[in-house]
């Protein structure tokens, strides 16, 4: 389960970096288009050098971010390949609420008793209980049996070998039994506390996963609408700037706002898909 969660998070990191790169490429294309228009306008004497510097500076900053994103994609892909043990293409496009594994996992009622972590903790309690039972009924110390052989080797003796058997039976005492019983009871108490803590952790994790799935499902709709509107606004501001109704700075700001809105939508979408996978894992299924 832990490895599956790590692999899912690694896939999400790679996909988000790839989405950022795609959004930055489209933003750079728009900025370079505006830069060409500024240069043409500057040659015609209709634009100032300040406008040329503003758009060039924004392009330089965006290209720097693009290089950092490339590095992030490569690092994320390397981390994913290490986790899986072979080159792996990141993809979550088939993950949604209609995913067959998600439907099968959510079809039956969930109980923390089915979680492997809880089962392991319960097994530890069972073992500790047996050990405590054994300690309670093993108050008698182990007997000791010894055998001794002596070779006499005396002249004229009818025998030259003696064999002796000794039996040592210690008497039960609190000095020996109490520490053993105390250690067994302490181990049992620790196992019980660990089981209760594991049950609470699993319940809290399931509640957190379900809440995250619900929240990401709601945010994906609003962020998609915001990204669509911000892109339309950026295109409208660019047309308005070309017609001389809006300043270049406002058009550049609108384009970068659209880029940030795309990133927010991408983050929400990937978080939603990851939340679906993590819900499946929490329910005991490994994708």
Protein backbone atom coordinates (compact mmCIF):
# COMPACT_ATOMS: atom_id res chain seq x y z
CA UNK A 1 0.00 0.00 0.00
CA UNK A 2 2.80 2.39 0.88
CA UNK A 3 4.64 1.74 -2.38
CA UNK A 4 1.41 2.11 -4.38
CA UNK A 5 0.73 5.49 -2.75
CA UNK A 6 4.29 6.65 -3.41
CA UNK A 7 4.04 5.56 -7.04
CA UNK A 8 0.69 7.35 -7.43
CA UNK A 9 2.11 10.57 -5.97
CA UNK A 10 5.16 10.28 -8.25
CA UNK A 11 2.92 9.86 -11.30
CA UNK A 12 0.92 12.91 -10.22
CA UNK A 13 4.10 14.98 -9.85
CA UNK A 14 5.27 14.03 -13.35
CA UNK A 15 1.87 14.74 -14.89
CA UNK A 16 1.61 18.12 -13.17
CA UNK A 17 5.07 19.10 -14.40
CA UNK A 18 4.14 18.03 -17.93
CA UNK A 19 0.93 20.08 -17.70
CA UNK A 20 2.96 23.08 -16.55
CA UNK A 21 5.29 22.64 -19.49
CA UNK A 22 2.40 22.45 -21.94
CA UNK A 23 0.75 25.54 -20.42
CA UNK A 24 4.05 27.41 -20.51
CA UNK A 25 4.61 26.48 -24.16
CA UNK A 26 1.23 27.90 -25.14
CA UNK A 27 1.87 31.01 -23.04
CA UNK A 28 5.31 31.52 -24.62
CA UNK A 29 3.75 31.16 -28.07
CA UNK A 30 1.30 33.95 -27.23
CA UNK A 31 4.04 36.14 -25.74
CA UNK A 32 6.26 35.71 -28.79
CA UNK A 33 3.33 36.55 -31.01
CA UNK A 34 2.87 39.74 -29.05
CA UNK A 35 6.61 40.45 -29.19
CA UNK A 36 6.55 40.23 -32.99
CA UNK A 37 3.65 42.66 -33.08
CA UNK A 38 5.53 45.04 -30.74
CA UNK A 39 8.65 44.92 -32.90
CA UNK A 40 6.64 45.59 -36.04
CA UNK A 41 4.88 48.46 -34.32
CA UNK A 42 8.19 49.80 -33.01
CA UNK A 43 9.70 49.83 -36.50
CA UNK A 44 6.68 51.78 -37.67
CA UNK A 45 7.16 54.25 -34.83
CA UNK A 46 3.90 53.28 -33.13
CA UNK A 47 5.41 51.62 -30.04
CA UNK A 48 8.03 52.67 -27.52
CA UNK A 49 11.15 50.83 -26.45
CA UNK A 50 9.60 50.40 -22.99
CA UNK A 51 6.93 48.16 -24.46
CA UNK A 52 9.57 46.11 -26.26
CA UNK A 53 11.52 45.75 -23.03
CA UNK A 54 8.39 44.74 -21.08
CA UNK A 55 7.46 41.93 -23.42
CA UNK A 56 11.06 40.75 -23.78
CA UNK A 57 11.46 40.65 -20.00
CA UNK A 58 8.29 38.59 -19.62
CA UNK A 59 9.49 36.18 -22.30
CA UNK A 60 12.87 35.84 -20.55
CA UNK A 61 11.19 35.06 -17.23
CA UNK A 62 8.87 32.53 -18.86
CA UNK A 63 11.75 30.82 -20.67
CA UNK A 64 13.62 30.54 -17.37
CA UNK A 65 10.56 28.93 -15.81
CA UNK A 66 10.33 26.61 -18.81
CA UNK A 67 13.88 25.37 -18.22
CA UNK A 68 13.12 24.76 -14.54
CA UNK A 69 10.00 22.82 -15.53
CA UNK A 70 12.06 20.60 -17.85
CA UNK A 71 14.34 19.77 -14.96
CA UNK A 72 11.34 19.02 -12.76
CA UNK A 73 9.89 16.67 -15.38
CA UNK A 74 13.17 14.76 -15.69
CA UNK A 75 13.63 14.47 -11.93
CA UNK A 76 10.04 13.31 -11.43
CA UNK A 77 10.34 10.74 -14.21
CA UNK A 78 13.58 9.40 -12.74
CA UNK A 79 11.92 9.06 -9.32
CA UNK A 80 8.99 7.20 -10.88
CA UNK A 81 11.30 4.83 -12.79
CA UNK A 82 13.18 4.06 -9.57
CA UNK A 83 9.95 3.23 -7.75
CA UNK A 84 8.63 0.95 -10.49
CA UNK A 85 12.00 -0.56 -11.39
CA UNK A 86 11.63 0.11 -15.12
CA UNK A 87 10.87 3.03 -17.48
CA UNK A 88 7.25 3.98 -16.80
CA UNK A 89 5.05 6.40 -18.69
CA UNK A 90 3.01 8.51 -16.30
CA UNK A 91 -0.70 8.47 -17.00
CA UNK A 92 -3.96 8.83 -15.10
CA UNK A 93 -6.29 9.59 -17.99
CA UNK A 94 -8.42 6.48 -17.41
CA UNK A 95 -8.91 7.26 -13.71
CA UNK A 96 -12.32 8.74 -12.87
CA UNK A 97 -15.37 7.86 -10.82
CA UNK A 98 -16.38 5.36 -13.53
CA UNK A 99 -13.10 3.47 -13.21
CA UNK A 100 -14.04 -0.24 -12.79
CA UNK A 101 -11.72 -0.78 -9.84
CA UNK A 102 -13.13 2.28 -8.08
CA UNK A 103 -16.68 1.05 -8.62
CA UNK A 104 -15.80 -2.41 -7.32
CA UNK A 105 -13.95 -1.02 -4.28
CA UNK A 106 -16.79 1.31 -3.29
CA UNK A 107 -19.54 -1.23 -3.94
CA UNK A 108 -19.30 -2.89 -0.53
CA UNK A 109 -19.35 -1.34 2.98
CA UNK A 110 -15.93 -0.49 4.36
CA UNK A 111 -14.61 -1.65 7.70
CA UNK A 112 -11.24 -0.93 9.24
CA UNK A 113 -11.03 -4.61 10.22
CA UNK A 114 -10.33 -5.45 6.57
CA UNK A 115 -7.33 -3.16 6.41
CA UNK A 116 -4.05 -5.15 6.34
CA UNK A 117 -2.50 -2.82 8.91
CA UNK A 118 -5.31 -3.53 11.36
CA UNK A 119 -5.12 -7.25 10.67
CA UNK A 120 -1.38 -7.21 11.35
CA UNK A 121 -1.91 -5.29 14.61
CA UNK A 122 -4.63 -7.75 15.65
CA UNK A 123 -2.30 -10.66 14.92
CA UNK A 124 0.28 -9.07 17.22
CA UNK A 125 -2.37 -8.93 19.98
CA UNK A 126 -3.17 -12.61 19.43
CA UNK A 127 0.49 -13.58 19.71
CA UNK A 128 0.97 -11.44 22.84
CA UNK A 129 -2.14 -13.00 24.40
CA UNK A 130 -0.79 -16.50 23.84
CA UNK A 131 2.55 -15.51 25.31
CA UNK A 132 0.85 -14.04 28.37
CA UNK A 133 -1.20 -17.24 28.77
CA UNK A 134 1.98 -19.30 28.53
CA UNK A 135 3.74 -17.11 31.08
CA UNK A 136 0.81 -17.42 33.49
CA UNK A 137 0.94 -21.22 33.37
CA UNK A 138 4.72 -21.60 33.27
CA UNK A 139 5.48 -20.59 36.85
CA UNK A 140 7.34 -23.86 37.47
CA UNK A 141 11.06 -23.47 36.62
CA UNK A 142 12.52 -25.97 34.20
CA UNK A 143 14.04 -29.05 35.89
CA UNK A 144 17.67 -29.95 35.30
CA UNK A 145 18.93 -33.48 34.73
CA UNK A 146 22.63 -34.37 34.77
CA UNK A 147 24.63 -37.51 34.05
CA UNK A 148 28.13 -38.08 35.43
CA UNK A 149 30.64 -40.76 34.40
CA UNK A 150 33.82 -41.45 36.42
CA UNK A 151 36.60 -43.77 35.33
CA UNK A 152 38.16 -45.11 38.56
CA UNK A 153 40.98 -47.12 37.07
CA UNK A 154 42.09 -48.62 40.50
CA UNK A 155 44.07 -51.84 40.68
CA UNK A 156 42.10 -54.80 41.98
CA UNK A 157 38.76 -53.01 41.85
CA UNK A 158 35.87 -55.09 40.42
CA UNK A 159 34.80 -52.10 38.44
CA UNK A 160 36.59 -49.09 37.10
CA UNK A 161 33.68 -46.90 35.97
CA UNK A 162 30.98 -45.14 37.95
CA UNK A 163 27.86 -43.63 36.45
CA UNK A 164 25.73 -41.14 38.35
CA UNK A 165 22.45 -39.39 37.56
CA UNK A 166 21.40 -36.13 39.21
CA UNK A 167 18.02 -34.43 39.13
CA UNK A 168 17.60 -30.78 40.14
CA UNK A 169 14.04 -29.52 40.62
CA UNK A 170 13.91 -25.79 41.52
CA UNK A 171 11.06 -24.65 43.75
CA UNK A 172 8.66 -22.09 42.19
CA UNK A 173 9.35 -18.57 43.40
CA UNK A 174 7.97 -15.10 42.72
CA UNK A 175 11.51 -14.00 42.06
CA UNK A 176 11.54 -15.99 38.82
CA UNK A 177 7.88 -16.02 37.81
CA UNK A 178 6.85 -12.40 38.43
CA UNK A 179 9.34 -10.79 35.99
CA UNK A 180 8.32 -13.22 33.25
CA UNK A 181 4.61 -12.57 33.80
CA UNK A 182 5.15 -8.81 34.03
CA UNK A 183 7.07 -8.74 30.74
CA UNK A 184 4.33 -10.77 29.02
CA UNK A 185 1.56 -8.49 30.35
CA UNK A 186 3.52 -5.40 29.29
CA UNK A 187 3.92 -6.79 25.77
CA UNK A 188 0.20 -7.56 25.63
CA UNK A 189 -0.73 -4.04 26.77
CA UNK A 190 1.59 -2.55 24.15
CA UNK A 191 0.06 -4.71 21.41
CA UNK A 192 -3.47 -3.72 22.44
CA UNK A 193 -2.59 -0.02 22.46
CA UNK A 194 -0.94 -0.40 19.05
CA UNK A 195 -4.05 -2.08 17.65
CA UNK A 196 -6.30 0.69 18.95
CA UNK A 197 -3.95 3.37 17.56
CA UNK A 198 -3.83 1.61 14.18
CA UNK A 199 -7.62 1.42 14.04
CA UNK A 200 -7.89 5.13 14.78
CA UNK A 201 -5.23 5.95 12.17
CA UNK A 202 -6.99 3.90 9.51
CA UNK A 203 -10.38 5.46 10.28
CA UNK A 204 -8.90 8.96 10.21
CA UNK A 205 -7.10 8.22 6.95
CA UNK A 206 -10.28 6.94 5.32
CA UNK A 207 -12.20 10.03 6.45
CA UNK A 208 -9.42 12.25 5.13
CA UNK A 209 -9.30 10.44 1.79
CA UNK A 210 -13.05 10.63 1.32
CA UNK A 211 -13.13 14.31 2.24
CA UNK A 212 -10.29 15.03 -0.17
CA UNK A 213 -12.08 13.16 -2.94
CA UNK A 214 -15.24 15.17 -2.33
CA UNK A 215 -13.40 18.49 -2.23
CA UNK A 216 -11.37 17.83 -5.39
CA UNK A 217 -14.50 16.71 -7.20
CA UNK A 218 -16.12 20.05 -6.41
CA UNK A 219 -13.05 22.19 -7.16
CA UNK A 220 -12.35 20.63 -10.54
CA UNK A 221 -15.54 22.12 -11.97
CA UNK A 222 -14.89 25.63 -10.68
CA UNK A 223 -11.22 25.66 -11.70
CA UNK A 224 -12.07 24.39 -15.20
CA UNK A 225 -14.58 27.21 -15.63
CA UNK A 226 -12.08 29.75 -14.28
CA UNK A 227 -9.34 28.55 -16.65
CA UNK A 228 -11.71 28.75 -19.64
CA UNK A 229 -12.79 32.27 -18.74
CA UNK A 230 -9.24 33.48 -18.06
CA UNK A 231 -8.03 32.16 -21.42
CA UNK A 232 -10.91 33.88 -23.18
CA UNK A 233 -10.12 37.08 -21.26
CA UNK A 234 -6.43 36.88 -22.24
CA UNK A 235 -7.32 36.50 -25.93
CA UNK A 236 -9.80 39.38 -25.65
CA UNK A 237 -7.21 41.59 -23.93
CA UNK A 238 -4.67 40.80 -26.66
CA UNK A 239 -7.15 41.80 -29.36
CA UNK A 240 -7.99 44.93 -27.40
CA UNK A 241 -4.28 45.77 -27.13
CA UNK A 242 -3.78 45.30 -30.86
CA UNK A 243 -6.61 47.71 -31.52
CA UNK A 244 -5.07 50.23 -29.13
CA UNK A 245 -7.78 50.04 -26.49
CA UNK A 246 -5.67 48.37 -23.79
CA UNK A 247 -2.10 48.82 -22.66
CA UNK A 248 0.52 46.16 -23.29
CA UNK A 249 1.08 45.66 -19.56
CA UNK A 250 -2.59 44.78 -19.05
CA UNK A 251 -2.49 42.32 -21.95
CA UNK A 252 0.66 40.66 -20.55
CA UNK A 253 -0.87 40.46 -17.08
CA UNK A 254 -4.01 38.86 -18.49
CA UNK A 255 -1.93 36.27 -20.34
CA UNK A 256 0.00 35.31 -17.22
CA UNK A 257 -3.24 35.19 -15.21
CA UNK A 258 -4.55 32.71 -17.77
CA UNK A 259 -1.39 30.64 -17.34
CA UNK A 260 -1.85 30.54 -13.57
CA UNK A 261 -5.51 29.58 -14.00
CA UNK A 262 -4.44 26.68 -16.22
CA UNK A 263 -2.02 25.53 -13.55
CA UNK A 264 -4.73 25.68 -10.90
CA UNK A 265 -7.07 23.62 -13.05
CA UNK A 266 -4.34 21.07 -13.81
CA UNK A 267 -3.53 20.76 -10.11
CA UNK A 268 -7.22 20.24 -9.26
CA UNK A 269 -7.72 17.65 -11.99
CA UNK A 270 -4.64 15.63 -11.09
CA UNK A 271 -5.46 15.86 -7.37
CA UNK A 272 -8.93 14.50 -8.12
CA UNK A 273 -7.57 11.52 -10.04
CA UNK A 274 -4.99 10.83 -7.33
CA UNK A 275 -7.72 11.05 -4.69
CA UNK A 276 -9.65 8.35 -6.56
CA UNK A 277 -6.60 6.07 -6.66
CA UNK A 278 -5.79 6.68 -2.99
CA UNK A 279 -9.40 5.89 -2.07
CA UNK A 280 -9.10 2.58 -3.89
CA UNK A 281 -5.83 1.82 -2.07
CA UNK A 282 -7.33 2.74 1.30
CA UNK A 283 -10.18 0.32 0.60
CA UNK A 284 -7.65 -2.47 0.23
CA UNK A 285 -7.22 -2.67 -3.54
CA UNK A 286 -3.86 -2.23 -5.27
CA UNK A 287 -4.18 -0.78 -8.81
